């Protein structure tokens, strides 16, 4: 069974990565439509940083690699 997630992951600079972990949001959703709706709801939490928002199709239960569909790459 494929699991689908909305993921928003802060993109840190090399220097920032030495001192802290990136902010991350991962929510399991039923389909792409729900992921896009939730992205609109939560993207403001990341508006002050660089991030990548994506839909993650997890196929591990099927022994296959995951697929990632980028929704937006945000740069400040």
PDB file of N, CA and C in Angstrom:
ATOM      1  N   UNK A   1       0.834  -1.194   0.000  1.00  0.00           N
ATOM      2  CA  UNK A   1       0.000   0.000   0.000  1.00  0.00           C
ATOM      3  C   UNK A   1       0.871   1.248   0.000  1.00  0.00           C
ATOM      4  N   UNK A   2       0.584   2.136  -0.885  1.00  0.00           N
ATOM      5  CA  UNK A   2       1.325   3.391  -0.971  1.00  0.00           C
ATOM      6  C   UNK A   2       0.831   4.366   0.091  1.00  0.00           C
ATOM      7  N   UNK A   3       1.763   4.947   0.822  1.00  0.00           N
ATOM      8  CA  UNK A   3       1.449   6.025   1.760  1.00  0.00           C
ATOM      9  C   UNK A   3       1.830   7.330   1.085  1.00  0.00           C
ATOM     10  N   UNK A   4       1.014   8.371   1.297  1.00  0.00           N
ATOM     11  CA  UNK A   4       1.269   9.669   0.684  1.00  0.00           C
ATOM     12  C   UNK A   4       1.424  10.697   1.798  1.00  0.00           C
ATOM     13  N   UNK A   5       2.453  11.536   1.674  1.00  0.00           N
ATOM     14  CA  UNK A   5       2.747  12.549   2.685  1.00  0.00           C
ATOM     15  C   UNK A   5       2.928  13.907   2.042  1.00  0.00           C
ATOM     16  N   UNK A   6       2.486  14.941   2.737  1.00  0.00           N
ATOM     17  CA  UNK A   6       2.892  16.308   2.435  1.00  0.00           C
ATOM     18  C   UNK A   6       4.131  16.550   3.272  1.00  0.00           C
ATOM     19  N   UNK A   7       5.193  17.024   2.637  1.00  0.00           N
ATOM     20  CA  UNK A   7       6.420  17.355   3.364  1.00  0.00           C
ATOM     21  C   UNK A   7       6.836  18.779   3.024  1.00  0.00           C
ATOM     22  N   UNK A   8       7.159  19.536   4.054  1.00  0.00           N
ATOM     23  CA  UNK A   8       7.756  20.860   3.883  1.00  0.00           C
ATOM     24  C   UNK A   8       9.050  20.812   4.684  1.00  0.00           C
ATOM     25  N   UNK A   9      10.176  21.015   4.008  1.00  0.00           N
ATOM     26  CA  UNK A   9      11.484  20.854   4.643  1.00  0.00           C
ATOM     27  C   UNK A   9      12.316  22.117   4.431  1.00  0.00           C
ATOM     28  N   UNK A  10      12.720  22.728   5.526  1.00  0.00           N
ATOM     29  CA  UNK A  10      13.585  23.901   5.461  1.00  0.00           C
ATOM     30  C   UNK A  10      14.926  23.518   4.847  1.00  0.00           C
ATOM     31  N   UNK A  11      15.432  24.368   3.965  1.00  0.00           N
ATOM     32  CA  UNK A  11      16.727  24.154   3.329  1.00  0.00           C
ATOM     33  C   UNK A  11      17.749  25.052   4.018  1.00  0.00           C
ATOM     34  N   UNK A  12      18.669  24.444   4.743  1.00  0.00           N
ATOM     35  CA  UNK A  12      19.679  25.198   5.490  1.00  0.00           C
ATOM     36  C   UNK A  12      20.915  25.433   4.637  1.00  0.00           C
ATOM     37  N   UNK A  13      21.603  26.539   4.932  1.00  0.00           N
ATOM     38  CA  UNK A  13      22.906  26.762   4.308  1.00  0.00           C
ATOM     39  C   UNK A  13      23.897  25.795   4.952  1.00  0.00           C
ATOM     40  N   UNK A  14      25.050  25.633   4.343  1.00  0.00           N
ATOM     41  CA  UNK A  14      26.070  24.749   4.909  1.00  0.00           C
ATOM     42  C   UNK A  14      26.417  25.165   6.330  1.00  0.00           C
ATOM     43  N   UNK A  15      26.556  26.456   6.542  1.00  0.00           N
ATOM     44  CA  UNK A  15      26.913  26.977   7.862  1.00  0.00           C
ATOM     45  C   UNK A  15      25.802  26.718   8.885  1.00  0.00           C
ATOM     46  N   UNK A  16      24.564  26.950   8.503  1.00  0.00           N
ATOM     47  CA  UNK A  16      23.432  26.709   9.409  1.00  0.00           C
ATOM     48  C   UNK A  16      23.330  25.236   9.797  1.00  0.00           C
ATOM     49  N   UNK A  17      23.655  24.363   8.874  1.00  0.00           N
ATOM     50  CA  UNK A  17      23.544  22.922   9.121  1.00  0.00           C
ATOM     51  C   UNK A  17      24.499  22.442  10.213  1.00  0.00           C
ATOM     52  N   UNK A  18      25.537  23.207  10.495  1.00  0.00           N
ATOM     53  CA  UNK A  18      26.467  22.845  11.563  1.00  0.00           C
ATOM     54  C   UNK A  18      25.884  23.105  12.946  1.00  0.00           C
ATOM     55  N   UNK A  19      24.929  24.024  13.030  1.00  0.00           N
ATOM     56  CA  UNK A  19      24.458  24.448  14.350  1.00  0.00           C
ATOM     57  C   UNK A  19      23.008  24.082  14.667  1.00  0.00           C
ATOM     58  N   UNK A  20      22.237  23.665  13.664  1.00  0.00           N
ATOM     59  CA  UNK A  20      20.842  23.340  13.962  1.00  0.00           C
ATOM     60  C   UNK A  20      20.243  22.391  12.935  1.00  0.00           C
ATOM     61  N   UNK A  21      19.115  21.823  13.303  1.00  0.00           N
ATOM     62  CA  UNK A  21      18.362  20.925  12.433  1.00  0.00           C
ATOM     63  C   UNK A  21      17.340  21.742  11.634  1.00  0.00           C
ATOM     64  N   UNK A  22      17.005  21.314  10.439  1.00  0.00           N
ATOM     65  CA  UNK A  22      15.989  22.048   9.668  1.00  0.00           C
ATOM     66  C   UNK A  22      14.592  21.837  10.249  1.00  0.00           C
ATOM     67  N   UNK A  23      13.764  22.839  10.107  1.00  0.00           N
ATOM     68  CA  UNK A  23      12.351  22.682  10.459  1.00  0.00           C
ATOM     69  C   UNK A  23      11.726  21.775   9.408  1.00  0.00           C
ATOM     70  N   UNK A  24      10.818  20.926   9.852  1.00  0.00           N
ATOM     71  CA  UNK A  24      10.217  19.964   8.946  1.00  0.00           C
ATOM     72  C   UNK A  24       8.771  19.705   9.334  1.00  0.00           C
ATOM     73  N   UNK A  25       7.932  19.540   8.334  1.00  0.00           N
ATOM     74  CA  UNK A  25       6.539  19.168   8.557  1.00  0.00           C
ATOM     75  C   UNK A  25       6.259  17.975   7.652  1.00  0.00           C
ATOM     76  N   UNK A  26       5.694  16.930   8.221  1.00  0.00           N
ATOM     77  CA  UNK A  26       5.339  15.742   7.431  1.00  0.00           C
ATOM     78  C   UNK A  26       3.985  15.253   7.915  1.00  0.00           C
ATOM     79  N   UNK A  27       3.007  15.257   7.004  1.00  0.00           N
ATOM     80  CA  UNK A  27       1.644  14.870   7.342  1.00  0.00           C
ATOM     81  C   UNK A  27       1.175  13.818   6.347  1.00  0.00           C
ATOM     82  N   UNK A  28       0.664  12.707   6.834  1.00  0.00           N
ATOM     83  CA  UNK A  28       0.107  11.708   5.929  1.00  0.00           C
ATOM     84  C   UNK A  28      -1.233  12.213   5.403  1.00  0.00           C
ATOM     85  N   UNK A  29      -1.443  12.065   4.096  1.00  0.00           N
ATOM     86  CA  UNK A  29      -2.661  12.532   3.443  1.00  0.00           C
ATOM     87  C   UNK A  29      -3.250  11.391   2.615  1.00  0.00           C
ATOM     88  N   UNK A  30      -4.506  11.558   2.208  1.00  0.00           N
ATOM     89  CA  UNK A  30      -5.153  10.496   1.433  1.00  0.00           C
ATOM     90  C   UNK A  30      -4.880  10.615  -0.061  1.00  0.00           C
ATOM     91  N   UNK A  31      -4.632  11.869  -0.526  1.00  0.00           N
ATOM     92  CA  UNK A  31      -4.367  12.053  -1.953  1.00  0.00           C
ATOM     93  C   UNK A  31      -3.671  13.393  -2.191  1.00  0.00           C
ATOM     94  N   UNK A  32      -3.318  13.630  -3.448  1.00  0.00           N
ATOM     95  CA  UNK A  32      -2.600  14.852  -3.812  1.00  0.00           C
ATOM     96  C   UNK A  32      -3.431  16.096  -3.540  1.00  0.00           C
ATOM     97  N   UNK A  33      -4.713  16.010  -3.767  1.00  0.00           N
ATOM     98  CA  UNK A  33      -5.593  17.157  -3.527  1.00  0.00           C
ATOM     99  C   UNK A  33      -5.551  17.601  -2.062  1.00  0.00           C
ATOM    100  N   UNK A  34      -5.620  16.637  -1.158  1.00  0.00           N
ATOM    101  CA  UNK A  34      -5.541  16.969   0.273  1.00  0.00           C
ATOM    102  C   UNK A  34      -4.175  17.560   0.599  1.00  0.00           C
ATOM    103  N   UNK A  35      -3.120  17.028  -0.003  1.00  0.00           N
ATOM    104  CA  UNK A  35      -1.766  17.547   0.239  1.00  0.00           C
ATOM    105  C   UNK A  35      -1.674  19.014  -0.169  1.00  0.00           C
ATOM    106  N   UNK A  36      -2.199  19.355  -1.331  1.00  0.00           N
ATOM    107  CA  UNK A  36      -2.144  20.739  -1.806  1.00  0.00           C
ATOM    108  C   UNK A  36      -2.967  21.672  -0.919  1.00  0.00           C
ATOM    109  N   UNK A  37      -4.098  21.193  -0.457  1.00  0.00           N
ATOM    110  CA  UNK A  37      -4.951  21.994   0.446  1.00  0.00           C
ATOM    111  C   UNK A  37      -4.215  22.259   1.765  1.00  0.00           C
ATOM    112  N   UNK A  38      -3.605  21.222   2.328  1.00  0.00           N
ATOM    113  CA  UNK A  38      -2.870  21.398   3.586  1.00  0.00           C
ATOM    114  C   UNK A  38      -1.623  22.255   3.397  1.00  0.00           C
ATOM    115  N   UNK A  39      -1.005  22.159   2.236  1.00  0.00           N
ATOM    116  CA  UNK A  39       0.161  23.005   1.964  1.00  0.00           C
ATOM    117  C   UNK A  39      -0.232  24.479   2.052  1.00  0.00           C
ATOM    118  N   UNK A  40      -1.348  24.839   1.465  1.00  0.00           N
ATOM    119  CA  UNK A  40      -1.814  26.232   1.532  1.00  0.00           C
ATOM    120  C   UNK A  40      -2.037  26.658   2.988  1.00  0.00           C
ATOM    121  N   UNK A  41      -2.468  25.733   3.804  1.00  0.00           N
ATOM    122  CA  UNK A  41      -2.740  26.031   5.215  1.00  0.00           C
ATOM    123  C   UNK A  41      -1.449  26.230   6.015  1.00  0.00           C
ATOM    124  N   UNK A  42      -0.417  25.433   5.735  1.00  0.00           N
ATOM    125  CA  UNK A  42       0.782  25.422   6.579  1.00  0.00           C
ATOM    126  C   UNK A  42       1.991  26.159   6.023  1.00  0.00           C
ATOM    127  N   UNK A  43       1.973  26.564   4.758  1.00  0.00           N
ATOM    128  CA  UNK A  43       3.176  27.161   4.174  1.00  0.00           C
ATOM    129  C   UNK A  43       3.602  28.455   4.863  1.00  0.00           C
ATOM    130  N   UNK A  44       2.665  29.164   5.451  1.00  0.00           N
ATOM    131  CA  UNK A  44       3.012  30.407   6.138  1.00  0.00           C
ATOM    132  C   UNK A  44       3.978  30.170   7.307  1.00  0.00           C
ATOM    133  N   UNK A  45       3.941  28.984   7.905  1.00  0.00           N
ATOM    134  CA  UNK A  45       4.850  28.656   9.002  1.00  0.00           C
ATOM    135  C   UNK A  45       6.312  28.667   8.553  1.00  0.00           C
ATOM    136  N   UNK A  46       6.536  28.556   7.244  1.00  0.00           N
ATOM    137  CA  UNK A  46       7.886  28.493   6.693  1.00  0.00           C
ATOM    138  C   UNK A  46       8.217  29.723   5.844  1.00  0.00           C
ATOM    139  N   UNK A  47       7.382  30.741   5.883  1.00  0.00           N
ATOM    140  CA  UNK A  47       7.538  31.897   4.988  1.00  0.00           C
ATOM    141  C   UNK A  47       8.823  32.682   5.216  1.00  0.00           C
ATOM    142  N   UNK A  48       9.444  32.511   6.373  1.00  0.00           N
ATOM    143  CA  UNK A  48      10.659  33.261   6.689  1.00  0.00           C
ATOM    144  C   UNK A  48      11.938  32.494   6.348  1.00  0.00           C
ATOM    145  N   UNK A  49      11.825  31.369   5.638  1.00  0.00           N
ATOM    146  CA  UNK A  49      13.013  30.568   5.352  1.00  0.00           C
ATOM    147  C   UNK A  49      12.936  29.948   3.958  1.00  0.00           C
ATOM    148  N   UNK A  50      14.059  29.434   3.509  1.00  0.00           N
ATOM    149  CA  UNK A  50      14.102  28.666   2.267  1.00  0.00           C
ATOM    150  C   UNK A  50      13.566  27.276   2.567  1.00  0.00           C
ATOM    151  N   UNK A  51      12.713  26.764   1.683  1.00  0.00           N
ATOM    152  CA  UNK A  51      12.183  25.420   1.906  1.00  0.00           C
ATOM    153  C   UNK A  51      11.797  24.762   0.585  1.00  0.00           C
ATOM    154  N   UNK A  52      11.600  23.468   0.665  1.00  0.00           N
ATOM    155  CA  UNK A  52      11.046  22.696  -0.439  1.00  0.00           C
ATOM    156  C   UNK A  52       9.776  22.044   0.086  1.00  0.00           C
ATOM    157  N   UNK A  53       8.683  22.227  -0.659  1.00  0.00           N
ATOM    158  CA  UNK A  53       7.423  21.557  -0.345  1.00  0.00           C
ATOM    159  C   UNK A  53       7.227  20.477  -1.395  1.00  0.00           C
ATOM    160  N   UNK A  54       6.851  19.282  -0.945  1.00  0.00           N
ATOM    161  CA  UNK A  54       6.717  18.165  -1.886  1.00  0.00           C
ATOM    162  C   UNK A  54       5.674  17.165  -1.408  1.00  0.00           C
ATOM    163  N   UNK A  55       5.239  16.363  -2.360  1.00  0.00           N
ATOM    164  CA  UNK A  55       4.374  15.232  -2.054  1.00  0.00           C
ATOM    165  C   UNK A  55       5.252  13.991  -2.161  1.00  0.00           C
ATOM    166  N   UNK A  56       5.237  13.205  -1.115  1.00  0.00           N
ATOM    167  CA  UNK A  56       6.091  12.012  -1.014  1.00  0.00           C
ATOM    168  C   UNK A  56       5.196  10.788  -1.155  1.00  0.00           C
ATOM    169  N   UNK A  57       5.407  10.052  -2.224  1.00  0.00           N
ATOM    170  CA  UNK A  57       4.692   8.788  -2.444  1.00  0.00           C
ATOM    171  C   UNK A  57       5.617   7.673  -1.962  1.00  0.00           C
ATOM    172  N   UNK A  58       5.306   7.091  -0.833  1.00  0.00           N
ATOM    173  CA  UNK A  58       6.166   6.082  -0.209  1.00  0.00           C
ATOM    174  C   UNK A  58       5.717   4.682  -0.650  1.00  0.00           C
ATOM    175  N   UNK A  59       6.614   3.999  -1.342  1.00  0.00           N
ATOM    176  CA  UNK A  59       6.321   2.666  -1.854  1.00  0.00           C
ATOM    177  C   UNK A  59       7.123   1.581  -1.141  1.00  0.00           C
ATOM    178  N   UNK A  60       7.668   1.879   0.042  1.00  0.00           N
ATOM    179  CA  UNK A  60       8.505   0.910   0.749  1.00  0.00           C
ATOM    180  C   UNK A  60       7.786  -0.404   1.032  1.00  0.00           C
ATOM    181  N   UNK A  61       6.506  -0.346   1.351  1.00  0.00           N
ATOM    182  CA  UNK A  61       5.744  -1.570   1.636  1.00  0.00           C
ATOM    183  C   UNK A  61       5.667  -2.492   0.419  1.00  0.00           C
ATOM    184  N   UNK A  62       5.852  -1.906  -0.767  1.00  0.00           N
ATOM    185  CA  UNK A  62       5.796  -2.680  -2.001  1.00  0.00           C
ATOM    186  C   UNK A  62       7.192  -3.067  -2.496  1.00  0.00           C
ATOM    187  N   UNK A  63       8.222  -2.689  -1.722  1.00  0.00           N
ATOM    188  CA  UNK A  63       9.589  -2.997  -2.118  1.00  0.00           C
ATOM    189  C   UNK A  63      10.083  -2.147  -3.271  1.00  0.00           C
ATOM    190  N   UNK A  64       9.482  -0.981  -3.469  1.00  0.00           N
ATOM    191  CA  UNK A  64       9.854  -0.079  -4.560  1.00  0.00           C
ATOM    192  C   UNK A  64      10.401   1.227  -3.984  1.00  0.00           C
ATOM    193  N   UNK A  65      11.124   2.001  -4.791  1.00  0.00           N
ATOM    194  CA  UNK A  65      11.617   3.290  -4.308  1.00  0.00           C
ATOM    195  C   UNK A  65      10.482   4.318  -4.196  1.00  0.00           C
ATOM    196  N   UNK A  66      10.701   5.306  -3.368  1.00  0.00           N
ATOM    197  CA  UNK A  66       9.734   6.383  -3.190  1.00  0.00           C
ATOM    198  C   UNK A  66       9.777   7.325  -4.387  1.00  0.00           C
ATOM    199  N   UNK A  67       8.695   8.078  -4.553  1.00  0.00           N
ATOM    200  CA  UNK A  67       8.622   9.129  -5.567  1.00  0.00           C
ATOM    201  C   UNK A  67       8.370  10.444  -4.846  1.00  0.00           C
ATOM    202  N   UNK A  68       9.029  11.509  -5.303  1.00  0.00           N
ATOM    203  CA  UNK A  68       8.821  12.835  -4.726  1.00  0.00           C
ATOM    204  C   UNK A  68       8.351  13.782  -5.828  1.00  0.00           C
ATOM    205  N   UNK A  69       7.278  14.489  -5.574  1.00  0.00           N
ATOM    206  CA  UNK A  69       6.758  15.477  -6.520  1.00  0.00           C
ATOM    207  C   UNK A  69       6.867  16.857  -5.851  1.00  0.00           C
ATOM    208  N   UNK A  70       7.717  17.704  -6.390  1.00  0.00           N
ATOM    209  CA  UNK A  70       7.931  19.039  -5.811  1.00  0.00           C
ATOM    210  C   UNK A  70       6.723  19.919  -6.101  1.00  0.00           C
ATOM    211  N   UNK A  71       6.225  20.544  -5.033  1.00  0.00           N
ATOM    212  CA  UNK A  71       5.124  21.501  -5.162  1.00  0.00           C
ATOM    213  C   UNK A  71       5.695  22.900  -5.374  1.00  0.00           C
ATOM    214  N   UNK A  72       6.671  23.243  -4.523  1.00  0.00           N
ATOM    215  CA  UNK A  72       7.263  24.588  -4.593  1.00  0.00           C
ATOM    216  C   UNK A  72       8.629  24.578  -3.938  1.00  0.00           C
ATOM    217  N   UNK A  73       9.535  25.372  -4.526  1.00  0.00           N
ATOM    218  CA  UNK A  73      10.825  25.674  -3.908  1.00  0.00           C
ATOM    219  C   UNK A  73      10.740  27.156  -3.556  1.00  0.00           C
ATOM    220  N   UNK A  74      10.800  27.450  -2.269  1.00  0.00           N
ATOM    221  CA  UNK A  74      10.626  28.829  -1.786  1.00  0.00           C
ATOM    222  C   UNK A  74      11.973  29.381  -1.343  1.00  0.00           C
ATOM    223  N   UNK A  75      12.300  30.570  -1.815  1.00  0.00           N
ATOM    224  CA  UNK A  75      13.547  31.249  -1.433  1.00  0.00           C
ATOM    225  C   UNK A  75      13.230  32.618  -0.876  1.00  0.00           C
ATOM    226  N   UNK A  76      13.896  32.972   0.208  1.00  0.00           N
ATOM    227  CA  UNK A  76      13.723  34.311   0.778  1.00  0.00           C
ATOM    228  C   UNK A  76      14.939  35.167   0.483  1.00  0.00           C
TER     229      UNK A  76
END
